[in-house]
N, C-alpha and C. Protein backbone atom coordinates (compact mmCIF):
# COMPACT_ATOMS: atom_id res chain seq x y z
N UNK A 1 0.84 -1.18 0.00
CA UNK A 1 0.00 0.00 0.00
C UNK A 1 0.88 1.24 0.00
N UNK A 2 0.47 2.27 -0.70
CA UNK A 2 1.26 3.48 -0.82
C UNK A 2 0.50 4.69 -0.30
N UNK A 3 1.04 5.34 0.70
CA UNK A 3 0.55 6.63 1.15
C UNK A 3 1.51 7.66 0.57
N UNK A 4 0.99 8.63 -0.12
CA UNK A 4 1.82 9.60 -0.80
C UNK A 4 2.20 10.70 0.19
N UNK A 5 3.51 10.84 0.43
CA UNK A 5 3.98 11.85 1.39
C UNK A 5 5.44 12.17 1.08
N UNK A 6 5.97 13.13 1.82
CA UNK A 6 7.37 13.49 1.66
C UNK A 6 8.27 12.30 1.99
N UNK A 7 7.85 11.49 2.97
CA UNK A 7 8.63 10.31 3.35
C UNK A 7 8.43 9.14 2.40
N UNK A 8 7.35 9.16 1.66
CA UNK A 8 7.01 8.05 0.76
C UNK A 8 6.52 8.61 -0.59
N UNK A 9 7.41 9.25 -1.36
CA UNK A 9 6.95 9.83 -2.63
C UNK A 9 6.71 8.76 -3.69
N UNK A 10 5.81 9.08 -4.59
CA UNK A 10 5.62 8.27 -5.80
C UNK A 10 6.53 8.86 -6.88
N UNK A 11 6.61 8.20 -8.01
CA UNK A 11 7.45 8.67 -9.11
C UNK A 11 6.60 8.88 -10.36
N UNK A 12 6.79 10.02 -10.99
CA UNK A 12 6.22 10.26 -12.30
C UNK A 12 7.36 10.12 -13.29
N UNK A 13 7.26 9.15 -14.17
CA UNK A 13 8.33 8.82 -15.10
C UNK A 13 7.89 9.13 -16.53
N UNK A 14 8.75 9.80 -17.25
CA UNK A 14 8.53 10.04 -18.67
C UNK A 14 9.73 9.47 -19.42
N UNK A 15 9.47 8.56 -20.33
CA UNK A 15 10.52 7.99 -21.17
C UNK A 15 10.22 8.35 -22.62
N UNK A 16 11.21 8.88 -23.30
CA UNK A 16 11.06 9.37 -24.67
C UNK A 16 11.81 8.44 -25.61
N UNK A 17 11.16 8.09 -26.72
CA UNK A 17 11.80 7.22 -27.72
C UNK A 17 13.01 7.93 -28.33
N UNK A 18 13.99 7.13 -28.69
CA UNK A 18 15.23 7.63 -29.30
C UNK A 18 14.91 8.56 -30.47
N UNK A 19 15.45 9.75 -30.42
CA UNK A 19 15.24 10.78 -31.46
C UNK A 19 13.76 11.08 -31.70
N UNK A 20 12.95 10.87 -30.69
CA UNK A 20 11.50 11.11 -30.78
C UNK A 20 10.83 10.33 -31.90
N UNK A 21 11.40 9.18 -32.23
CA UNK A 21 10.83 8.33 -33.26
C UNK A 21 9.45 7.86 -32.81
N UNK A 22 8.41 8.04 -33.62
CA UNK A 22 7.06 7.62 -33.22
C UNK A 22 6.89 6.09 -33.35
N UNK A 23 7.57 5.38 -32.49
CA UNK A 23 7.59 3.91 -32.52
C UNK A 23 6.21 3.34 -32.19
N UNK A 24 5.49 3.99 -31.30
CA UNK A 24 4.24 3.42 -30.76
C UNK A 24 3.02 3.93 -31.52
N UNK A 25 3.04 3.78 -32.83
CA UNK A 25 1.91 4.23 -33.65
C UNK A 25 0.85 3.14 -33.81
N UNK A 26 1.27 1.89 -33.81
CA UNK A 26 0.29 0.82 -34.05
C UNK A 26 -0.26 0.29 -32.73
N UNK A 27 -1.47 -0.20 -32.79
CA UNK A 27 -2.09 -0.80 -31.61
C UNK A 27 -1.28 -2.00 -31.11
N UNK A 28 -0.72 -2.75 -32.05
CA UNK A 28 0.07 -3.93 -31.66
C UNK A 28 1.26 -3.53 -30.79
N UNK A 29 1.95 -2.47 -31.17
CA UNK A 29 3.11 -2.03 -30.37
C UNK A 29 2.68 -1.42 -29.05
N UNK A 30 1.58 -0.67 -29.04
CA UNK A 30 1.09 -0.11 -27.77
C UNK A 30 0.65 -1.23 -26.83
N UNK A 31 0.01 -2.24 -27.39
CA UNK A 31 -0.39 -3.39 -26.59
C UNK A 31 0.82 -4.11 -26.03
N UNK A 32 1.84 -4.25 -26.84
CA UNK A 32 3.09 -4.88 -26.43
C UNK A 32 3.74 -4.10 -25.27
N UNK A 33 3.72 -2.77 -25.36
CA UNK A 33 4.28 -1.95 -24.29
C UNK A 33 3.46 -2.11 -23.01
N UNK A 34 2.15 -2.18 -23.12
CA UNK A 34 1.32 -2.42 -21.92
C UNK A 34 1.69 -3.74 -21.27
N UNK A 35 1.87 -4.78 -22.06
CA UNK A 35 2.27 -6.08 -21.51
C UNK A 35 3.66 -5.99 -20.88
N UNK A 36 4.56 -5.23 -21.50
CA UNK A 36 5.91 -5.06 -20.94
C UNK A 36 5.86 -4.29 -19.63
N UNK A 37 5.00 -3.28 -19.53
CA UNK A 37 4.86 -2.54 -18.28
C UNK A 37 4.31 -3.45 -17.18
N UNK A 38 3.35 -4.29 -17.52
CA UNK A 38 2.82 -5.25 -16.54
C UNK A 38 3.90 -6.22 -16.09
N UNK A 39 4.72 -6.68 -17.03
CA UNK A 39 5.82 -7.58 -16.69
C UNK A 39 6.85 -6.87 -15.80
N UNK A 40 7.16 -5.63 -16.13
CA UNK A 40 8.12 -4.86 -15.32
C UNK A 40 7.59 -4.65 -13.91
N UNK A 41 6.30 -4.36 -13.80
CA UNK A 41 5.67 -4.17 -12.48
C UNK A 41 5.82 -5.43 -11.64
N UNK A 42 5.55 -6.58 -12.24
CA UNK A 42 5.65 -7.84 -11.51
C UNK A 42 7.10 -8.17 -11.16
N UNK A 43 7.98 -8.06 -12.14
CA UNK A 43 9.40 -8.38 -11.92
C UNK A 43 10.05 -7.43 -10.93
N UNK A 44 9.70 -6.14 -11.01
CA UNK A 44 10.33 -5.14 -10.16
C UNK A 44 9.68 -4.97 -8.80
N UNK A 45 8.48 -5.51 -8.63
CA UNK A 45 7.81 -5.41 -7.35
C UNK A 45 7.35 -4.00 -7.01
N UNK A 46 6.87 -3.28 -8.01
CA UNK A 46 6.33 -1.93 -7.75
C UNK A 46 4.94 -1.84 -8.35
N UNK A 47 4.22 -0.80 -7.98
CA UNK A 47 2.87 -0.58 -8.48
C UNK A 47 2.90 0.43 -9.62
N UNK A 48 1.92 0.33 -10.49
CA UNK A 48 1.70 1.34 -11.53
C UNK A 48 0.33 1.96 -11.25
N UNK A 49 0.34 3.28 -11.02
CA UNK A 49 -0.89 3.98 -10.67
C UNK A 49 -1.56 4.68 -11.85
N UNK A 50 -0.78 5.12 -12.82
CA UNK A 50 -1.34 5.80 -13.99
C UNK A 50 -0.34 5.65 -15.14
N UNK A 51 -0.86 5.72 -16.36
CA UNK A 51 0.02 5.64 -17.52
C UNK A 51 -0.67 6.22 -18.75
N UNK A 52 0.13 6.57 -19.74
CA UNK A 52 -0.35 6.89 -21.09
C UNK A 52 0.79 6.58 -22.04
N UNK A 53 0.47 5.89 -23.11
CA UNK A 53 1.46 5.57 -24.14
C UNK A 53 1.16 6.46 -25.34
N UNK A 54 2.09 7.35 -25.62
CA UNK A 54 1.97 8.29 -26.72
C UNK A 54 2.78 7.74 -27.91
N UNK A 55 2.65 8.32 -29.09
CA UNK A 55 3.38 7.78 -30.24
C UNK A 55 4.90 7.74 -30.06
N UNK A 56 5.47 8.71 -29.35
CA UNK A 56 6.92 8.77 -29.22
C UNK A 56 7.43 8.82 -27.78
N UNK A 57 6.56 8.61 -26.82
CA UNK A 57 6.99 8.58 -25.42
C UNK A 57 5.92 7.92 -24.57
N UNK A 58 6.27 7.66 -23.31
CA UNK A 58 5.26 7.15 -22.39
C UNK A 58 5.42 7.81 -21.03
N UNK A 59 4.30 7.86 -20.33
CA UNK A 59 4.24 8.39 -18.97
C UNK A 59 3.77 7.27 -18.06
N UNK A 60 4.39 7.15 -16.90
CA UNK A 60 3.99 6.16 -15.91
C UNK A 60 4.15 6.80 -14.52
N UNK A 61 3.18 6.57 -13.66
CA UNK A 61 3.33 6.94 -12.25
C UNK A 61 3.39 5.64 -11.46
N UNK A 62 4.46 5.50 -10.68
CA UNK A 62 4.66 4.30 -9.86
C UNK A 62 4.75 4.70 -8.39
N UNK A 63 4.72 3.68 -7.54
CA UNK A 63 4.97 3.93 -6.13
C UNK A 63 6.48 4.14 -5.95
N UNK A 64 6.91 4.45 -4.78
CA UNK A 64 8.34 4.66 -4.52
C UNK A 64 9.00 3.44 -3.92
N UNK A 65 8.53 2.24 -4.29
CA UNK A 65 9.05 1.01 -3.70
C UNK A 65 10.53 0.78 -4.02
N UNK A 66 10.99 1.30 -5.13
CA UNK A 66 12.39 1.13 -5.55
C UNK A 66 13.01 2.50 -5.82
N UNK A 67 14.33 2.51 -5.90
CA UNK A 67 15.01 3.73 -6.30
C UNK A 67 14.59 4.06 -7.73
N UNK A 68 14.52 5.34 -8.08
CA UNK A 68 14.11 5.70 -9.45
C UNK A 68 14.94 5.00 -10.52
N UNK A 69 16.24 4.88 -10.32
CA UNK A 69 17.08 4.23 -11.34
C UNK A 69 16.70 2.76 -11.52
N UNK A 70 16.34 2.09 -10.42
CA UNK A 70 15.92 0.68 -10.53
C UNK A 70 14.58 0.56 -11.25
N UNK A 71 13.64 1.43 -10.90
CA UNK A 71 12.33 1.40 -11.56
C UNK A 71 12.49 1.65 -13.05
N UNK A 72 13.31 2.64 -13.41
CA UNK A 72 13.56 2.93 -14.82
C UNK A 72 14.20 1.74 -15.53
N UNK A 73 15.11 1.08 -14.84
CA UNK A 73 15.78 -0.07 -15.43
C UNK A 73 14.76 -1.16 -15.78
N UNK A 74 13.82 -1.42 -14.88
CA UNK A 74 12.78 -2.42 -15.16
C UNK A 74 11.85 -1.96 -16.28
N UNK A 75 11.32 -0.74 -16.16
CA UNK A 75 10.36 -0.24 -17.16
C UNK A 75 10.99 -0.13 -18.54
N UNK A 76 12.10 0.58 -18.62
CA UNK A 76 12.72 0.82 -19.92
C UNK A 76 13.40 -0.43 -20.47
N UNK A 77 14.02 -1.21 -19.60
CA UNK A 77 14.72 -2.41 -20.06
C UNK A 77 13.79 -3.44 -20.66
N UNK A 78 12.74 -3.78 -19.94
CA UNK A 78 11.80 -4.80 -20.43
C UNK A 78 11.05 -4.31 -21.65
N UNK A 79 10.56 -3.07 -21.62
CA UNK A 79 9.82 -2.56 -22.78
C UNK A 79 10.73 -2.45 -24.00
N UNK A 80 11.96 -2.03 -23.81
CA UNK A 80 12.91 -1.93 -24.92
C UNK A 80 13.15 -3.30 -25.56
N UNK A 81 13.41 -4.29 -24.74
CA UNK A 81 13.68 -5.63 -25.26
C UNK A 81 12.48 -6.15 -26.04
N UNK A 82 11.27 -5.98 -25.49
CA UNK A 82 10.06 -6.49 -26.16
C UNK A 82 9.81 -5.78 -27.49
N UNK A 83 9.97 -4.46 -27.49
CA UNK A 83 9.70 -3.69 -28.72
C UNK A 83 10.74 -4.01 -29.79
N UNK A 84 12.01 -4.02 -29.43
CA UNK A 84 13.06 -4.30 -30.41
C UNK A 84 12.91 -5.72 -30.97
N UNK A 85 12.61 -6.68 -30.12
CA UNK A 85 12.36 -8.05 -30.60
C UNK A 85 11.18 -8.08 -31.58
N UNK A 86 10.13 -7.34 -31.27
CA UNK A 86 8.95 -7.28 -32.15
C UNK A 86 9.34 -6.68 -33.50
N UNK A 87 10.09 -5.58 -33.48
CA UNK A 87 10.50 -4.93 -34.72
C UNK A 87 11.36 -5.87 -35.58
N UNK A 88 12.24 -6.63 -34.93
CA UNK A 88 13.06 -7.60 -35.66
C UNK A 88 12.19 -8.71 -36.25
N UNK A 89 11.32 -9.25 -35.42
CA UNK A 89 10.47 -10.38 -35.84
C UNK A 89 9.55 -10.00 -37.00
N UNK A 90 9.08 -8.75 -37.03
CA UNK A 90 8.16 -8.32 -38.08
C UNK A 90 8.85 -7.51 -39.17
N UNK A 91 10.16 -7.57 -39.20
CA UNK A 91 10.98 -6.99 -40.27
C UNK A 91 10.72 -5.49 -40.48
N UNK A 92 10.75 -4.74 -39.38
CA UNK A 92 10.65 -3.28 -39.45
C UNK A 92 12.07 -2.71 -39.60
N UNK A 93 12.69 -2.97 -40.74
CA UNK A 93 14.09 -2.60 -40.96
C UNK A 93 14.32 -1.10 -40.86
N UNK A 94 13.40 -0.29 -41.39
CA UNK A 94 13.57 1.16 -41.35
C UNK A 94 13.56 1.67 -39.92
N UNK A 95 12.62 1.19 -39.12
CA UNK A 95 12.57 1.61 -37.71
C UNK A 95 13.81 1.15 -36.96
N UNK A 96 14.22 -0.08 -37.20
CA UNK A 96 15.43 -0.59 -36.53
C UNK A 96 16.66 0.23 -36.92
N UNK A 97 16.74 0.62 -38.18
CA UNK A 97 17.89 1.44 -38.61
C UNK A 97 17.90 2.77 -37.87
N UNK A 98 16.73 3.33 -37.62
CA UNK A 98 16.65 4.61 -36.89
C UNK A 98 16.99 4.43 -35.41
N UNK A 99 16.81 3.23 -34.90
CA UNK A 99 17.13 2.95 -33.49
C UNK A 99 18.54 2.43 -33.30
N UNK A 100 19.26 2.24 -34.40
CA UNK A 100 20.63 1.72 -34.32
C UNK A 100 21.50 2.70 -33.55
N UNK A 101 22.21 2.15 -32.58
CA UNK A 101 23.05 2.99 -31.72
C UNK A 101 24.28 2.18 -31.33
N UNK A 102 25.23 2.12 -32.25
CA UNK A 102 26.38 1.26 -32.11
C UNK A 102 27.23 1.42 -30.88
N UNK A 103 27.61 2.55 -30.45
CA UNK A 103 28.62 2.69 -29.40
C UNK A 103 28.15 2.42 -27.99
N UNK A 104 27.13 1.64 -27.80
CA UNK A 104 26.59 1.38 -26.47
C UNK A 104 27.44 0.36 -25.71
N UNK A 105 27.53 0.53 -24.40
CA UNK A 105 28.22 -0.48 -23.60
C UNK A 105 27.45 -1.80 -23.62
N UNK A 106 28.11 -2.86 -23.28
CA UNK A 106 27.52 -4.20 -23.21
C UNK A 106 27.02 -4.69 -24.56
N UNK A 107 27.48 -4.08 -25.64
CA UNK A 107 27.18 -4.61 -26.97
C UNK A 107 25.78 -4.36 -27.49
N UNK A 108 25.03 -3.44 -26.91
CA UNK A 108 23.69 -3.15 -27.42
C UNK A 108 23.79 -2.49 -28.79
N UNK A 109 23.02 -2.98 -29.72
CA UNK A 109 23.04 -2.45 -31.08
C UNK A 109 21.96 -1.38 -31.25
N UNK A 110 20.80 -1.58 -30.60
CA UNK A 110 19.66 -0.68 -30.74
C UNK A 110 19.36 0.00 -29.42
N UNK A 111 18.81 1.19 -29.53
CA UNK A 111 18.42 1.94 -28.35
C UNK A 111 17.01 2.48 -28.56
N UNK A 112 16.05 1.93 -27.85
CA UNK A 112 14.67 2.40 -27.98
C UNK A 112 14.48 3.74 -27.28
N UNK A 113 15.07 3.90 -26.12
CA UNK A 113 14.82 5.08 -25.29
C UNK A 113 15.97 6.07 -25.36
N UNK A 114 15.62 7.34 -25.35
CA UNK A 114 16.62 8.39 -25.18
C UNK A 114 17.26 8.16 -23.82
N UNK A 115 18.47 8.57 -23.64
CA UNK A 115 19.15 8.35 -22.37
C UNK A 115 18.70 9.27 -21.27
N UNK A 116 17.67 10.07 -21.51
CA UNK A 116 17.27 11.09 -20.54
C UNK A 116 15.86 10.88 -20.02
N UNK A 117 15.52 9.68 -19.59
CA UNK A 117 14.21 9.47 -18.98
C UNK A 117 14.14 10.32 -17.73
N UNK A 118 12.97 10.81 -17.47
CA UNK A 118 12.79 11.75 -16.36
C UNK A 118 11.95 11.10 -15.26
N UNK A 119 12.48 11.09 -14.05
CA UNK A 119 11.73 10.57 -12.89
C UNK A 119 11.54 11.71 -11.89
N UNK A 120 10.31 12.11 -11.73
CA UNK A 120 9.96 13.23 -10.85
C UNK A 120 9.29 12.70 -9.59
N UNK A 121 9.84 12.97 -8.39
CA UNK A 121 9.18 12.52 -7.17
C UNK A 121 7.91 13.33 -6.91
N UNK A 122 6.88 12.64 -6.49
CA UNK A 122 5.60 13.28 -6.16
C UNK A 122 5.40 13.19 -4.65
N UNK A 123 5.52 14.32 -3.96
CA UNK A 123 5.54 14.34 -2.50
C UNK A 123 4.19 14.59 -1.85
N UNK A 124 3.18 14.93 -2.63
CA UNK A 124 1.88 15.22 -2.03
C UNK A 124 0.77 14.66 -2.91
N UNK A 125 -0.38 14.45 -2.31
CA UNK A 125 -1.52 13.96 -3.07
C UNK A 125 -1.95 14.98 -4.12
N UNK A 126 -1.83 16.25 -3.79
CA UNK A 126 -2.20 17.29 -4.75
C UNK A 126 -1.31 17.23 -5.98
N UNK A 127 0.00 17.16 -5.78
CA UNK A 127 0.93 17.07 -6.89
C UNK A 127 0.73 15.76 -7.66
N UNK A 128 0.48 14.68 -6.93
CA UNK A 128 0.20 13.38 -7.54
C UNK A 128 -0.99 13.50 -8.50
N UNK A 129 -2.08 14.09 -8.04
CA UNK A 129 -3.28 14.21 -8.88
C UNK A 129 -3.07 15.16 -10.05
N UNK A 130 -2.25 16.19 -9.87
CA UNK A 130 -1.92 17.07 -10.99
C UNK A 130 -1.22 16.28 -12.10
N UNK A 131 -0.30 15.40 -11.71
CA UNK A 131 0.42 14.59 -12.70
C UNK A 131 -0.50 13.56 -13.35
N UNK A 132 -1.38 12.94 -12.56
CA UNK A 132 -2.34 11.99 -13.13
C UNK A 132 -3.17 12.70 -14.20
N UNK A 133 -3.69 13.87 -13.88
CA UNK A 133 -4.51 14.62 -14.83
C UNK A 133 -3.70 15.05 -16.06
N UNK A 134 -2.47 15.48 -15.84
CA UNK A 134 -1.59 15.86 -16.95
C UNK A 134 -1.39 14.67 -17.90
N UNK A 135 -1.08 13.53 -17.33
CA UNK A 135 -0.86 12.33 -18.13
C UNK A 135 -2.11 11.95 -18.91
N UNK A 136 -3.26 11.98 -18.26
CA UNK A 136 -4.50 11.58 -18.92
C UNK A 136 -4.93 12.57 -19.99
N UNK A 137 -4.56 13.83 -19.84
CA UNK A 137 -4.93 14.85 -20.84
C UNK A 137 -3.93 14.93 -21.99
N UNK A 138 -2.80 14.27 -21.88
CA UNK A 138 -1.77 14.33 -22.90
C UNK A 138 -2.30 13.95 -24.29
N UNK A 139 -3.07 12.88 -24.46
CA UNK A 139 -3.60 12.55 -25.80
C UNK A 139 -4.55 13.62 -26.35
N UNK A 140 -5.24 14.33 -25.46
CA UNK A 140 -6.13 15.42 -25.89
C UNK A 140 -5.29 16.61 -26.36
N UNK A 141 -4.31 16.98 -25.55
CA UNK A 141 -3.46 18.14 -25.89
C UNK A 141 -2.72 17.93 -27.21
N UNK A 142 -2.36 16.69 -27.51
CA UNK A 142 -1.61 16.43 -28.76
C UNK A 142 -2.52 16.15 -29.95
N UNK A 143 -3.84 16.19 -29.73
CA UNK A 143 -4.78 16.03 -30.84
C UNK A 143 -5.08 14.60 -31.24
N UNK A 144 -4.72 13.63 -30.42
CA UNK A 144 -5.01 12.23 -30.76
C UNK A 144 -6.49 11.90 -30.58
N UNK A 145 -7.13 12.54 -29.60
CA UNK A 145 -8.56 12.34 -29.31
C UNK A 145 -9.15 13.66 -28.81
N UNK A 146 -10.47 13.74 -28.82
CA UNK A 146 -11.13 14.94 -28.29
C UNK A 146 -11.38 14.82 -26.79
N UNK A 147 -11.63 13.59 -26.33
CA UNK A 147 -11.87 13.36 -24.89
C UNK A 147 -10.87 12.32 -24.41
N UNK A 148 -10.31 12.54 -23.23
CA UNK A 148 -9.30 11.63 -22.68
C UNK A 148 -9.81 10.19 -22.62
N UNK A 149 -11.08 10.01 -22.29
CA UNK A 149 -11.67 8.68 -22.15
C UNK A 149 -11.66 7.89 -23.45
N UNK A 150 -11.54 8.58 -24.57
CA UNK A 150 -11.55 7.92 -25.87
C UNK A 150 -10.19 7.35 -26.26
N UNK A 151 -9.16 7.69 -25.49
CA UNK A 151 -7.82 7.19 -25.82
C UNK A 151 -7.61 5.85 -25.11
N UNK A 152 -7.50 4.83 -25.88
CA UNK A 152 -7.43 3.46 -25.34
C UNK A 152 -6.17 3.20 -24.51
N UNK A 153 -5.07 3.88 -24.78
CA UNK A 153 -3.77 3.53 -24.23
C UNK A 153 -3.40 4.38 -23.03
N UNK A 154 -4.35 4.55 -22.12
CA UNK A 154 -4.08 5.25 -20.86
C UNK A 154 -4.98 4.66 -19.78
N UNK A 155 -4.71 5.07 -18.56
CA UNK A 155 -5.45 4.56 -17.40
C UNK A 155 -6.65 5.42 -17.03
N UNK A 156 -7.01 6.38 -17.85
CA UNK A 156 -8.05 7.35 -17.50
C UNK A 156 -9.39 6.68 -17.19
N UNK A 157 -9.81 5.70 -17.96
CA UNK A 157 -11.12 5.07 -17.71
C UNK A 157 -11.14 4.37 -16.36
N UNK A 158 -10.03 3.78 -15.98
CA UNK A 158 -9.96 3.12 -14.66
C UNK A 158 -10.08 4.15 -13.55
N UNK A 159 -9.45 5.30 -13.73
CA UNK A 159 -9.54 6.37 -12.73
C UNK A 159 -10.96 6.90 -12.63
N UNK A 160 -11.69 6.88 -13.73
CA UNK A 160 -13.08 7.37 -13.72
C UNK A 160 -14.06 6.28 -13.30
N UNK A 161 -13.53 5.11 -12.99
CA UNK A 161 -14.31 3.97 -12.49
C UNK A 161 -15.24 3.36 -13.52
N UNK A 162 -14.87 3.45 -14.81
CA UNK A 162 -15.60 2.72 -15.83
C UNK A 162 -14.64 2.16 -16.87
N UNK A 163 -13.84 1.18 -16.39
CA UNK A 163 -12.91 0.54 -17.32
C UNK A 163 -13.64 -0.33 -18.34
N UNK A 164 -13.00 -0.51 -19.48
CA UNK A 164 -13.51 -1.44 -20.48
C UNK A 164 -13.16 -2.86 -20.04
N UNK A 165 -13.86 -3.83 -20.58
CA UNK A 165 -13.56 -5.23 -20.28
C UNK A 165 -12.19 -5.64 -20.78
N UNK A 166 -11.71 -4.96 -21.81
CA UNK A 166 -10.43 -5.33 -22.42
C UNK A 166 -9.36 -4.25 -22.23
N UNK A 167 -9.32 -3.64 -21.05
CA UNK A 167 -8.28 -2.64 -20.76
C UNK A 167 -6.91 -3.26 -21.01
N UNK A 168 -6.02 -2.54 -21.69
CA UNK A 168 -4.70 -3.11 -21.98
C UNK A 168 -3.79 -3.23 -20.75
N UNK A 169 -4.02 -2.38 -19.74
CA UNK A 169 -3.21 -2.42 -18.52
C UNK A 169 -4.04 -1.83 -17.39
N UNK A 170 -4.26 -2.61 -16.35
CA UNK A 170 -5.03 -2.13 -15.21
C UNK A 170 -4.07 -1.54 -14.17
N UNK A 171 -4.30 -0.28 -13.77
CA UNK A 171 -3.45 0.31 -12.74
C UNK A 171 -3.78 -0.25 -11.36
N UNK A 172 -2.87 -0.05 -10.43
CA UNK A 172 -3.00 -0.58 -9.06
C UNK A 172 -3.66 0.45 -8.13
N UNK A 173 -4.83 0.93 -8.51
CA UNK A 173 -5.48 1.99 -7.75
C UNK A 173 -5.83 1.56 -6.33
N UNK A 174 -6.10 0.28 -6.15
CA UNK A 174 -6.46 -0.22 -4.82
C UNK A 174 -5.29 -0.17 -3.84
N UNK A 175 -4.09 0.07 -4.34
CA UNK A 175 -2.91 0.11 -3.47
C UNK A 175 -2.59 1.53 -2.97
N UNK A 176 -3.37 2.51 -3.38
CA UNK A 176 -3.16 3.88 -2.92
C UNK A 176 -3.94 4.06 -1.62
N UNK A 177 -3.26 4.55 -0.59
CA UNK A 177 -3.91 4.90 0.66
C UNK A 177 -4.02 6.41 0.69
N UNK A 178 -5.25 6.91 0.56
CA UNK A 178 -5.48 8.35 0.50
C UNK A 178 -5.53 8.93 1.91
N UNK A 179 -4.78 9.98 2.13
CA UNK A 179 -4.85 10.68 3.43
C UNK A 179 -6.02 11.64 3.43
N UNK A 180 -6.31 12.19 2.26
CA UNK A 180 -7.46 13.09 2.11
C UNK A 180 -8.58 12.30 1.43
N UNK A 181 -9.80 12.39 1.94
CA UNK A 181 -10.89 11.62 1.30
C UNK A 181 -11.10 12.05 -0.16
N UNK A 182 -11.42 11.09 -1.00
CA UNK A 182 -11.65 11.34 -2.43
C UNK A 182 -13.12 11.21 -2.72
């Protein structure tokens, strides 16, 4: 359970695709990223409270169960491996060429994520909710949909308490302990 406070901050994470390449344009890739986020959550032992997958970046709010660098390692590492494997398997040579990044340590040939993922600590419920709303409104601000609820690749419907039967990723809302009544 997570109580949001100065002693127990949550993390708002933004990861941007290498060179802002719009890798996540297809439903198949967005679905794959949702599955990778679920796998990272299980493997890393942290909660995911909100998310949105945009064409060239993703937003995730997690609990503070791990250090930000560890959480990023799970989220970005697993999603990167799954997406790059998918691109190879489905012969997306042009996209792979754009993700080619030879000089990486440990012999990595491709780099899905820019090296500057951002992890922002959220110390209060007010700031937490501002970030949740920002994330959920991102598809509206960028013109992908007119209403946040119409964007399939975010947690907004779950927050509004009317999820679809086939939600791609269910957030861990039941793990939030609110200090202020909602």
